[in-house]
N, C-alpha and C. Protein backbone atom coordinates (compact mmCIF):
# COMPACT_ATOMS: atom_id res chain seq x y z
N MET A 1 1.13 -1.23 -0.35
CA MET A 1 -0.14 -0.07 -0.18
C MET A 1 0.95 0.99 0.29
N THR A 2 0.37 2.55 0.03
CA THR A 2 1.13 4.01 0.04
C THR A 2 0.81 4.23 0.74
N CYS A 3 1.80 4.97 1.50
CA CYS A 3 1.84 5.99 2.13
C CYS A 3 1.39 7.26 2.03
N ARG A 4 0.35 7.44 2.76
CA ARG A 4 -0.48 9.26 2.34
C ARG A 4 -0.08 10.24 3.24
N LEU A 5 0.66 11.01 2.34
CA LEU A 5 1.35 12.17 2.98
C LEU A 5 0.41 13.53 3.27
N GLY A 6 0.40 13.91 4.86
CA GLY A 6 -0.32 15.20 4.98
C GLY A 6 0.29 16.79 4.66
N ILE A 7 0.64 17.43 3.74
CA ILE A 7 1.17 18.69 3.59
C ILE A 7 1.00 19.93 4.71
N LEU A 8 1.69 20.92 5.51
CA LEU A 8 1.17 21.65 6.26
C LEU A 8 2.33 23.12 5.15
N LEU A 9 1.30 23.84 5.36
CA LEU A 9 1.81 24.84 4.60
C LEU A 9 1.48 25.89 5.34
N SER A 10 2.37 27.21 4.62
CA SER A 10 1.86 28.42 5.09
C SER A 10 2.70 29.78 3.98
N GLY A 11 3.12 28.94 2.67
CA GLY A 11 3.50 30.31 1.82
C GLY A 11 3.60 29.44 0.48
N ARG A 12 4.99 29.85 0.29
CA ARG A 12 4.99 29.12 -2.02
C ARG A 12 4.61 27.70 -2.09
N GLY A 13 5.33 27.05 -0.51
CA GLY A 13 5.45 25.76 -1.07
C GLY A 13 6.40 24.84 -2.11
N SER A 14 7.71 25.48 -1.57
CA SER A 14 8.67 25.24 -2.39
C SER A 14 9.24 24.01 -2.33
N ASN A 15 8.88 23.37 -0.71
CA ASN A 15 9.38 22.31 -0.77
C ASN A 15 8.58 21.08 -0.86
N PHE A 16 6.96 21.35 -0.43
CA PHE A 16 5.99 20.95 -1.00
C PHE A 16 6.15 20.28 -2.29
N GLU A 17 6.22 21.18 -3.61
CA GLU A 17 6.96 21.27 -5.13
C GLU A 17 7.84 19.96 -5.00
N ALA A 18 8.59 20.51 -4.04
CA ALA A 18 10.15 19.44 -4.42
C ALA A 18 9.84 17.94 -3.84
N ILE A 19 8.56 17.52 -3.28
CA ILE A 19 8.36 16.27 -2.30
C ILE A 19 7.54 15.75 -3.71
N ALA A 20 6.55 16.44 -4.15
CA ALA A 20 5.58 16.29 -5.06
C ALA A 20 6.19 15.38 -6.26
N ALA A 21 7.26 16.51 -7.13
CA ALA A 21 8.03 16.24 -7.95
C ALA A 21 8.92 14.80 -8.00
N ALA A 22 9.16 14.27 -6.51
CA ALA A 22 9.39 13.59 -6.49
C ALA A 22 9.12 11.96 -6.27
N ILE A 23 7.91 11.93 -6.12
CA ILE A 23 6.65 11.34 -6.19
C ILE A 23 6.48 11.06 -7.39
N GLU A 24 6.25 12.34 -8.12
CA GLU A 24 6.01 12.06 -9.73
C GLU A 24 6.84 11.53 -10.63
N SER A 25 8.09 11.59 -10.52
CA SER A 25 9.53 10.85 -11.00
C SER A 25 9.71 9.66 -10.60
N GLY A 26 9.33 8.25 -9.30
CA GLY A 26 9.49 7.71 -8.87
C GLY A 26 10.75 8.08 -8.16
N ASP A 27 11.39 9.04 -7.78
CA ASP A 27 12.44 8.82 -6.46
C ASP A 27 11.47 8.56 -5.31
N LEU A 28 10.35 8.86 -5.09
CA LEU A 28 9.81 8.71 -3.67
C LEU A 28 8.74 8.17 -3.91
N PRO A 29 8.40 6.42 -4.17
CA PRO A 29 7.96 5.47 -4.10
C PRO A 29 6.66 5.54 -2.97
N ASN A 30 6.04 4.57 -3.31
CA ASN A 30 5.03 4.30 -1.88
C ASN A 30 4.66 5.49 -1.34
N ALA A 31 4.61 6.77 -1.88
CA ALA A 31 3.96 7.55 -0.98
C ALA A 31 2.91 8.60 -2.12
N GLN A 32 1.83 9.60 -1.31
CA GLN A 32 1.27 10.12 -2.57
C GLN A 32 0.40 11.01 -1.17
N ILE A 33 0.19 12.38 -1.72
CA ILE A 33 0.51 13.72 -1.35
C ILE A 33 -1.72 13.72 -0.99
N ALA A 34 -2.11 13.16 0.19
CA ALA A 34 -3.59 12.85 0.61
C ALA A 34 -3.76 14.18 0.03
N VAL A 35 -3.21 15.70 1.01
CA VAL A 35 -4.04 16.72 1.56
C VAL A 35 -3.05 17.90 2.00
N VAL A 36 -3.39 19.15 1.51
CA VAL A 36 -2.14 19.92 1.75
C VAL A 36 -3.43 20.51 2.46
N LEU A 37 -2.68 21.12 3.47
CA LEU A 37 -3.50 22.32 3.92
C LEU A 37 -2.78 23.57 4.74
N SER A 38 -3.51 24.73 4.85
CA SER A 38 -2.43 25.65 4.93
C SER A 38 -3.10 26.37 6.39
N ASN A 39 -2.59 27.42 6.77
CA ASN A 39 -3.36 28.48 7.67
C ASN A 39 -3.02 29.99 7.05
N LYS A 40 -3.26 29.92 5.72
CA LYS A 40 -3.05 31.08 4.53
C LYS A 40 -3.75 31.07 3.49
N PRO A 41 -5.26 31.50 3.20
CA PRO A 41 -5.71 31.40 2.22
C PRO A 41 -5.03 31.72 1.60
N GLU A 42 -4.01 32.64 1.35
CA GLU A 42 -3.40 33.36 0.40
C GLU A 42 -1.84 31.99 -0.45
N ALA A 43 -1.89 31.43 0.37
CA ALA A 43 -0.62 30.52 0.51
C ALA A 43 -0.16 29.84 -1.33
N ARG A 44 0.48 30.40 -1.88
CA ARG A 44 0.75 30.04 -3.15
C ARG A 44 0.91 27.88 -3.13
N GLY A 45 1.29 27.64 -2.11
CA GLY A 45 1.57 26.33 -2.50
C GLY A 45 -0.25 25.78 -2.13
N LEU A 46 -0.82 26.20 -2.10
CA LEU A 46 -2.71 25.48 -2.39
C LEU A 46 -3.40 26.23 -3.37
N GLU A 47 -2.97 26.83 -4.38
CA GLU A 47 -3.31 26.95 -6.21
C GLU A 47 -1.89 26.02 -6.53
N THR A 48 -1.13 25.31 -6.37
CA THR A 48 -0.30 24.75 -6.78
C THR A 48 -1.10 23.32 -6.88
N ALA A 49 -1.03 22.38 -5.46
CA ALA A 49 -1.73 21.66 -5.04
C ALA A 49 -2.86 21.28 -5.86
N LYS A 50 -4.00 22.28 -5.77
CA LYS A 50 -5.11 22.43 -6.70
C LYS A 50 -4.93 21.74 -8.43
N GLN A 51 -3.76 22.85 -8.83
CA GLN A 51 -3.73 22.46 -9.55
C GLN A 51 -3.43 20.78 -9.98
N LYS A 52 -2.47 20.38 -9.11
CA LYS A 52 -2.39 19.12 -9.07
C LYS A 52 -3.05 17.52 -9.27
N ASN A 53 -4.50 18.87 -8.70
CA ASN A 53 -6.04 17.89 -8.56
C ASN A 53 -5.79 16.82 -6.75
N ILE A 54 -4.99 17.45 -5.59
CA ILE A 54 -4.53 17.39 -5.09
C ILE A 54 -5.66 18.30 -3.69
N ASP A 55 -5.91 17.41 -2.55
CA ASP A 55 -7.21 18.08 -2.18
C ASP A 55 -6.57 19.02 -0.92
N THR A 56 -7.68 20.23 -0.82
CA THR A 56 -6.52 21.39 0.11
C THR A 56 -8.13 21.86 0.76
N ALA A 57 -7.32 21.81 1.77
CA ALA A 57 -7.87 23.11 3.06
C ALA A 57 -7.55 23.89 3.88
N VAL A 58 -8.38 25.13 4.16
CA VAL A 58 -7.43 26.41 5.25
C VAL A 58 -8.35 25.87 6.22
N ILE A 59 -7.55 25.65 7.08
CA ILE A 59 -7.40 25.54 8.19
C ILE A 59 -6.89 26.38 9.11
N SER A 60 -7.80 26.79 10.61
CA SER A 60 -6.93 27.62 10.98
C SER A 60 -6.59 27.42 13.10
N SER A 61 -7.11 26.12 13.13
CA SER A 61 -7.51 25.72 14.85
C SER A 61 -6.48 24.21 14.09
N ASP A 62 -5.32 24.37 15.32
CA ASP A 62 -5.30 22.27 15.04
C ASP A 62 -6.13 21.39 15.41
N THR A 63 -7.27 21.53 16.44
CA THR A 63 -8.57 20.39 16.04
C THR A 63 -8.74 20.38 14.54
N GLU A 64 -9.27 21.56 13.72
CA GLU A 64 -9.74 21.69 12.31
C GLU A 64 -8.07 20.68 11.92
N ILE A 65 -6.94 21.42 11.84
CA ILE A 65 -5.81 19.78 11.16
C ILE A 65 -6.29 18.97 11.46
N LEU A 66 -6.46 18.40 12.58
CA LEU A 66 -6.31 17.10 13.00
C LEU A 66 -7.29 15.79 12.12
N ASP A 67 -9.01 16.96 12.53
CA ASP A 67 -9.63 16.88 11.49
C ASP A 67 -9.74 16.15 10.13
N ALA A 68 -9.01 17.08 9.89
CA ALA A 68 -8.51 17.26 8.30
C ALA A 68 -7.70 15.52 7.90
N LEU A 69 -6.38 16.12 8.92
CA LEU A 69 -5.48 14.59 8.82
C LEU A 69 -6.42 13.03 8.49
N ARG A 70 -7.40 13.48 9.41
CA ARG A 70 -8.05 11.90 9.97
C ARG A 70 -8.89 11.45 8.86
N LYS A 71 -9.66 12.82 8.47
CA LYS A 71 -10.35 12.49 7.18
C LYS A 71 -9.88 11.90 5.57
N HIS A 72 -8.79 12.58 5.61
CA HIS A 72 -8.16 11.85 4.42
C HIS A 72 -7.43 10.53 5.18
N ARG A 73 -7.05 10.30 5.92
CA ARG A 73 -6.06 9.07 6.63
C ARG A 73 -5.19 9.16 6.17
N VAL A 74 -4.52 10.65 6.51
CA VAL A 74 -3.09 10.66 6.95
C VAL A 74 -1.97 9.71 7.15
N ASP A 75 -1.18 9.51 7.25
CA ASP A 75 -0.09 8.66 8.26
C ASP A 75 0.90 9.26 8.38
N LEU A 76 1.90 10.41 7.34
CA LEU A 76 2.81 10.59 7.81
C LEU A 76 2.78 12.59 7.38
N VAL A 77 2.68 13.44 8.35
CA VAL A 77 2.53 14.62 8.52
C VAL A 77 3.75 15.28 8.06
N ILE A 78 3.92 15.92 7.01
CA ILE A 78 4.61 16.68 6.67
C ILE A 78 5.00 18.08 7.13
N LEU A 79 5.30 19.40 7.08
CA LEU A 79 5.33 20.27 7.61
C LEU A 79 6.35 20.78 6.94
N ALA A 80 5.80 21.67 5.86
CA ALA A 80 6.86 22.50 4.87
C ALA A 80 7.05 23.74 4.64
N GLY A 81 7.27 24.71 5.76
CA GLY A 81 6.96 25.94 5.72
C GLY A 81 5.54 26.40 6.51
N TYR A 82 5.59 25.47 7.10
CA TYR A 82 4.05 25.86 8.17
C TYR A 82 4.53 27.28 9.47
N ASN A 83 4.71 28.03 9.85
CA ASN A 83 4.28 28.94 10.46
C ASN A 83 3.79 29.56 11.70
N ARG A 84 3.08 27.64 12.20
CA ARG A 84 3.14 28.03 13.71
C ARG A 84 3.20 27.08 14.31
N ILE A 85 3.11 27.00 15.61
CA ILE A 85 4.04 25.84 16.66
C ILE A 85 2.66 25.30 16.92
N LEU A 86 2.60 24.11 16.76
CA LEU A 86 1.65 22.87 16.63
C LEU A 86 1.16 22.43 18.20
N SER A 87 0.01 22.36 18.89
CA SER A 87 0.14 21.90 19.76
C SER A 87 0.45 20.66 20.17
N THR A 88 0.38 20.71 21.55
CA THR A 88 1.00 19.74 22.10
C THR A 88 -0.27 18.44 21.75
N GLU A 89 -1.27 18.30 21.25
CA GLU A 89 -2.35 17.67 21.24
C GLU A 89 -1.70 16.93 20.06
N LEU A 90 -1.55 17.64 19.01
CA LEU A 90 -2.03 17.02 17.82
C LEU A 90 -0.45 16.54 17.39
N VAL A 91 0.58 17.12 17.76
CA VAL A 91 2.21 16.37 18.02
C VAL A 91 1.96 15.28 18.74
N ASN A 92 1.36 14.96 19.83
CA ASN A 92 1.09 13.79 20.61
C ASN A 92 0.20 12.67 19.51
N ALA A 93 -0.27 13.41 18.73
CA ALA A 93 -2.01 12.59 18.07
C ALA A 93 -0.39 11.66 16.72
N TYR A 94 0.29 12.46 16.16
CA TYR A 94 0.82 12.08 15.44
C TYR A 94 2.25 11.90 15.83
N ALA A 95 2.71 11.44 16.79
CA ALA A 95 3.80 11.11 17.08
C ALA A 95 4.94 10.15 16.39
N GLN A 96 5.99 10.18 16.00
CA GLN A 96 7.37 9.79 14.98
C GLN A 96 6.30 9.75 14.38
N ARG A 97 5.00 10.51 13.79
CA ARG A 97 4.74 10.19 11.99
C ARG A 97 4.46 11.85 12.01
N MET A 98 5.61 12.69 12.06
CA MET A 98 5.42 14.18 12.12
C MET A 98 6.60 14.78 11.81
N LEU A 99 6.90 15.10 10.72
CA LEU A 99 8.51 15.84 10.12
C LEU A 99 8.11 17.07 9.68
N ASN A 100 9.64 18.02 10.12
CA ASN A 100 9.95 19.28 9.79
C ASN A 100 11.61 19.77 8.94
N ILE A 101 11.28 20.22 8.58
CA ILE A 101 12.73 20.95 7.82
C ILE A 101 12.75 22.28 8.26
N HIS A 102 14.42 22.21 8.84
CA HIS A 102 14.84 23.63 9.44
C HIS A 102 15.82 23.89 8.62
N PRO A 103 16.18 25.28 8.46
CA PRO A 103 16.91 25.92 8.08
C PRO A 103 18.43 26.26 8.37
N SER A 104 18.83 25.46 9.35
CA SER A 104 20.16 25.20 9.94
C SER A 104 20.84 23.53 10.45
N LEU A 105 22.01 23.86 11.19
CA LEU A 105 22.31 22.84 11.66
C LEU A 105 21.83 22.69 12.52
N LEU A 106 20.86 21.92 13.24
CA LEU A 106 20.11 21.61 14.37
C LEU A 106 20.99 20.85 15.32
N PRO A 107 21.63 20.90 16.92
CA PRO A 107 21.14 22.28 16.94
C PRO A 107 20.80 23.65 17.33
N ALA A 108 22.27 23.81 16.48
CA ALA A 108 22.15 25.11 16.32
C ALA A 108 21.01 26.15 15.44
N TYR A 109 21.15 27.12 16.26
CA TYR A 109 20.04 27.91 15.23
C TYR A 109 18.65 27.78 15.17
N GLY A 110 18.10 27.12 16.66
CA GLY A 110 17.04 26.43 16.44
C GLY A 110 16.15 27.25 17.47
N GLY A 111 14.79 26.39 17.46
CA GLY A 111 13.73 27.09 18.56
C GLY A 111 12.36 28.02 18.42
N LYS A 112 11.89 28.88 19.11
CA LYS A 112 10.42 29.25 18.64
C LYS A 112 10.98 30.46 18.20
N ASN A 113 12.22 31.32 18.42
CA ASN A 113 12.62 32.79 17.38
C ASN A 113 12.88 32.55 16.37
N MET A 114 13.67 31.11 16.07
CA MET A 114 14.36 30.96 15.12
C MET A 114 13.43 30.31 13.67
N VAL A 115 13.42 31.64 13.08
CA VAL A 115 12.31 31.21 11.46
C VAL A 115 12.90 32.00 10.68
N GLY A 116 12.97 31.66 9.54
CA GLY A 116 12.70 32.64 8.43
C GLY A 116 14.20 32.79 8.23
N ALA A 117 14.51 34.00 7.73
CA ALA A 117 15.42 35.44 7.50
C ALA A 117 16.50 35.21 9.04
N ARG A 118 15.29 34.98 10.18
CA ARG A 118 16.03 35.18 11.79
C ARG A 118 17.35 34.36 11.69
N VAL A 119 16.97 32.83 10.69
CA VAL A 119 17.99 31.70 11.32
C VAL A 119 19.29 32.27 10.18
N HIS A 120 19.04 32.95 9.06
CA HIS A 120 20.08 33.29 8.15
C HIS A 120 21.10 33.86 8.87
N GLN A 121 20.38 35.65 9.59
CA GLN A 121 21.02 36.35 10.03
C GLN A 121 21.71 36.23 11.20
N ALA A 122 21.80 35.55 12.17
CA ALA A 122 21.67 35.09 13.23
C ALA A 122 23.05 34.45 12.62
N VAL A 123 23.08 33.05 11.74
CA VAL A 123 24.48 32.47 11.37
C VAL A 123 25.23 33.92 10.53
N ILE A 124 24.87 34.76 9.98
CA ILE A 124 25.49 35.59 9.08
C ILE A 124 26.61 36.43 10.73
N ALA A 125 25.88 36.58 11.71
CA ALA A 125 26.80 37.85 12.44
C ALA A 125 27.47 36.96 12.79
N ALA A 126 27.44 35.34 13.51
CA ALA A 126 28.59 34.79 14.29
C ALA A 126 29.66 34.56 13.57
N ALA A 127 29.57 34.70 12.14
CA ALA A 127 30.14 34.37 11.60
C ALA A 127 31.25 32.85 10.92
N GLU A 128 29.52 32.39 11.58
CA GLU A 128 29.83 30.85 10.88
C GLU A 128 30.28 30.36 9.46
N LYS A 129 30.83 29.34 9.71
CA LYS A 129 31.66 29.09 8.42
C LYS A 129 30.57 28.32 7.27
N THR A 130 29.90 27.15 7.75
CA THR A 130 28.87 26.48 7.38
C THR A 130 27.47 26.54 7.96
N SER A 131 26.72 26.24 7.13
CA SER A 131 25.30 26.23 7.74
C SER A 131 24.50 25.65 6.94
N GLY A 132 23.25 25.09 7.04
CA GLY A 132 22.54 24.00 6.05
C GLY A 132 21.48 23.71 6.66
N CYS A 133 20.59 22.47 6.42
CA CYS A 133 19.32 22.66 6.69
C CYS A 133 19.01 20.62 7.42
N THR A 134 18.49 20.97 8.50
CA THR A 134 17.93 19.58 9.24
C THR A 134 15.82 19.48 9.22
N VAL A 135 16.25 17.89 8.73
CA VAL A 135 15.30 17.08 9.04
C VAL A 135 15.10 15.90 10.30
N HIS A 136 13.60 17.26 11.05
CA HIS A 136 13.53 16.21 12.18
C HIS A 136 12.13 15.56 12.10
N LEU A 137 12.42 14.94 13.14
CA LEU A 137 10.73 14.38 13.78
C LEU A 137 10.23 15.54 14.62
N VAL A 138 9.40 15.91 14.87
CA VAL A 138 8.42 17.17 15.48
C VAL A 138 7.68 16.20 17.15
N THR A 139 8.42 17.04 17.99
CA THR A 139 7.94 16.67 19.45
C THR A 139 7.92 18.31 20.09
N ALA A 140 7.27 18.13 21.19
CA ALA A 140 6.86 19.44 22.02
C ALA A 140 7.41 20.72 21.60
N ASP A 141 8.87 20.11 22.17
CA ASP A 141 9.87 20.93 22.12
C ASP A 141 10.26 21.35 20.86
N VAL A 142 10.34 22.24 20.26
CA VAL A 142 10.24 23.22 19.14
C VAL A 142 12.15 22.74 18.96
N ASP A 143 11.95 22.37 17.18
CA ASP A 143 12.73 22.18 16.57
C ASP A 143 14.28 21.47 17.24
N ALA A 144 13.64 20.52 18.62
CA ALA A 144 14.52 19.42 18.85
C ALA A 144 14.42 18.30 19.24
N GLY A 145 13.30 17.80 18.37
CA GLY A 145 13.40 16.28 18.01
C GLY A 145 14.15 15.57 17.35
N PRO A 146 14.44 14.19 17.18
CA PRO A 146 15.58 13.38 16.67
C PRO A 146 15.67 13.61 15.23
N ILE A 147 17.34 13.92 15.33
CA ILE A 147 17.28 14.57 13.62
C ILE A 147 17.55 13.01 12.99
N LEU A 148 16.86 13.53 11.67
CA LEU A 148 16.98 12.29 10.55
C LEU A 148 18.13 12.67 9.01
N GLY A 149 17.97 13.50 9.16
CA GLY A 149 19.37 13.88 8.05
C GLY A 149 19.35 15.31 8.40
N GLN A 150 20.93 15.58 7.51
CA GLN A 150 20.80 16.93 7.36
C GLN A 150 22.36 17.12 6.21
N ALA A 151 22.06 18.29 5.57
CA ALA A 151 22.95 19.01 4.28
C ALA A 151 23.57 20.09 4.81
N SER A 152 24.61 20.09 4.17
CA SER A 152 25.14 21.83 4.80
C SER A 152 25.78 22.26 3.22
N VAL A 153 26.03 23.71 3.88
CA VAL A 153 26.12 24.78 2.63
C VAL A 153 27.25 25.13 3.46
N ASP A 154 28.47 26.03 2.67
CA ASP A 154 29.31 27.05 2.93
C ASP A 154 28.59 28.30 2.77
N VAL A 155 29.49 28.94 4.14
CA VAL A 155 28.40 30.32 4.08
C VAL A 155 30.37 31.55 3.59
N ASP A 156 29.33 32.09 2.58
CA ASP A 156 30.35 32.83 1.83
C ASP A 156 31.29 33.93 2.41
N PRO A 157 31.97 34.42 2.65
CA PRO A 157 32.12 35.85 3.12
C PRO A 157 30.89 37.07 2.61
N GLY A 158 30.76 37.14 1.21
CA GLY A 158 29.44 38.17 0.34
C GLY A 158 28.18 37.48 1.13
N ASP A 159 27.89 36.78 1.83
CA ASP A 159 26.58 36.07 1.74
C ASP A 159 25.82 37.43 2.34
N THR A 160 24.43 37.64 2.19
CA THR A 160 23.70 37.84 3.15
C THR A 160 22.42 37.02 3.22
N PRO A 161 21.56 37.43 3.99
CA PRO A 161 20.64 36.14 4.55
C PRO A 161 19.26 35.64 3.78
N GLU A 162 19.51 37.13 2.27
CA GLU A 162 19.05 36.23 0.88
C GLU A 162 19.72 35.32 0.43
N THR A 163 20.91 35.25 0.07
CA THR A 163 21.55 34.41 -0.82
C THR A 163 22.09 33.06 0.19
N LEU A 164 22.56 33.08 1.23
CA LEU A 164 22.38 31.79 2.38
C LEU A 164 21.41 31.37 1.97
N ALA A 165 19.68 32.01 2.28
CA ALA A 165 18.68 31.48 2.26
C ALA A 165 18.40 30.20 0.91
N GLN A 166 18.93 30.75 0.07
CA GLN A 166 18.41 30.36 -1.46
C GLN A 166 19.98 28.74 -1.53
N LYS A 167 21.03 29.16 -1.13
CA LYS A 167 21.80 27.65 -1.07
C LYS A 167 21.54 27.31 -0.29
N ILE A 168 20.32 27.34 0.97
CA ILE A 168 20.12 26.44 1.97
C ILE A 168 18.73 25.60 1.18
N LEU A 169 17.84 26.28 0.30
CA LEU A 169 16.61 25.85 0.30
C LEU A 169 17.18 24.84 -0.85
N GLN A 170 18.35 24.53 -1.56
CA GLN A 170 18.38 24.24 -2.98
C GLN A 170 18.66 22.87 -2.08
N GLN A 171 19.48 23.21 -0.76
CA GLN A 171 19.89 20.96 -0.66
C GLN A 171 18.47 20.81 0.48
N GLU A 172 17.41 21.28 0.72
CA GLU A 172 16.48 21.26 1.45
C GLU A 172 15.44 20.58 0.36
N HIS A 173 15.01 21.04 -1.04
CA HIS A 173 14.52 20.17 -1.59
C HIS A 173 15.13 18.77 -2.20
N ALA A 174 16.25 18.40 -1.70
CA ALA A 174 17.13 17.32 -2.64
C ALA A 174 16.88 16.41 -1.47
N LEU A 175 17.39 17.03 0.53
CA LEU A 175 17.42 16.27 1.44
C LEU A 175 15.32 15.50 1.59
N TYR A 176 14.46 16.66 1.81
CA TYR A 176 13.71 16.54 2.72
C TYR A 176 13.02 15.07 1.38
N PRO A 177 12.79 15.38 0.59
CA PRO A 177 12.15 14.30 -0.30
C PRO A 177 13.21 12.71 -0.03
N ARG A 178 13.92 13.16 -0.22
CA ARG A 178 15.08 11.18 0.52
C ARG A 178 14.96 10.87 1.57
N VAL A 179 14.79 11.82 2.98
CA VAL A 179 14.58 11.20 4.02
C VAL A 179 13.16 10.61 4.53
N ILE A 180 12.22 11.58 3.78
CA ILE A 180 11.08 10.86 3.38
C ILE A 180 10.96 9.49 3.04
N ARG A 181 11.47 9.53 2.21
CA ARG A 181 11.00 8.14 1.77
C ARG A 181 12.06 6.87 2.53
N ASP A 182 13.17 7.66 3.31
CA ASP A 182 14.16 6.68 3.89
C ASP A 182 13.37 6.10 5.12
N TYR A 183 12.29 6.93 5.79
CA TYR A 183 12.09 6.59 6.94
C TYR A 183 10.40 6.31 6.98
N ILE A 184 9.34 6.41 5.58
CA ILE A 184 8.44 5.56 5.52
C ILE A 184 9.04 4.02 5.19
N GLN A 185 9.92 3.60 4.58
CA GLN A 185 10.53 2.50 4.63
C GLN A 185 11.01 2.18 6.11
N GLN A 186 11.83 2.89 7.47
CA GLN A 186 11.71 2.52 8.54
C GLN A 186 10.65 2.43 8.92
N LEU A 187 9.33 3.13 9.36
CA LEU A 187 8.12 2.52 9.52
C LEU A 187 7.74 1.68 8.94
N ALA A 188 7.75 1.26 7.54
CA ALA A 188 7.16 0.49 7.79
C ALA A 188 7.53 -1.04 8.11
N LEU A 189 8.91 -1.08 7.84
CA LEU A 189 9.54 -2.01 8.63
C LEU A 189 9.11 -2.57 9.99
N LEU A 190 8.73 -1.21 10.34
CA LEU A 190 8.48 -1.30 12.29
C LEU A 190 6.87 -1.67 12.15
N GLU A 191 6.33 -1.92 11.07
CA GLU A 191 4.55 -1.95 11.24
C GLU A 191 4.24 -0.67 11.73
N LYS A 192 4.28 0.28 11.65
CA LYS A 192 4.18 1.64 12.43
C LYS A 192 3.07 2.54 11.36
N LEU A 193 3.03 2.15 10.34
CA LEU A 193 2.07 3.21 9.71
C LEU A 193 1.03 2.10 9.40
N PRO A 194 -0.24 2.59 9.90
CA PRO A 194 -1.19 1.69 10.37
C PRO A 194 -2.06 1.37 8.96
N HIS A 195 -1.84 2.78 7.51
CA HIS A 195 -2.77 2.67 6.47
C HIS A 195 -0.99 2.78 5.07
N ALA A 196 -0.54 2.23 5.70
CA ALA A 196 0.64 1.69 4.52
C ALA A 196 2.01 0.86 5.05
N SER A 197 2.56 0.29 3.41
CA SER A 197 3.50 -0.82 4.22
C SER A 197 4.82 -0.88 2.72
N VAL A 198 5.73 -1.09 3.00
CA VAL A 198 6.89 -1.10 1.95
C VAL A 198 7.24 -2.11 1.49
């Protein structure tokens, strides 16, 4: 059977697009995107999902998220640029079955206030030589869940938060689908996916 993914996003959804492309190309086998959810009705990712004939919904609470995930029989929740901290209830409902990608080499530059450009500004201000991205399991502690994969980039002397973000985003698009593929295989072997097997 196929692992059903639920994508949460708040913006353009470039990581969602990378995941969808990996599924379409066969690089992410035994997975399908069951639903794309957003707390922002204007999120570009919603329109992209509609163009791909993927179910979408605009949600305003974690209760609505949980209802939508259950309605679509989601096995694995993928945070792809979702800009709200999730409730403990929601995280616990999908314990070990919710992944996030963060634009730094965790545990460095993670936490509640470390989002988007703030991460890259902090990295540059600290004169770091490398940065990157991290895929991790979501837990009640923000950006503190077990790390599943990382990719690094050089921080060049002339880098701005914008140029660094672009370099890291390229790595995110390669890393996230690969980690999702490997994690689906791991969960299936452990028989932890109620709707999926590999």
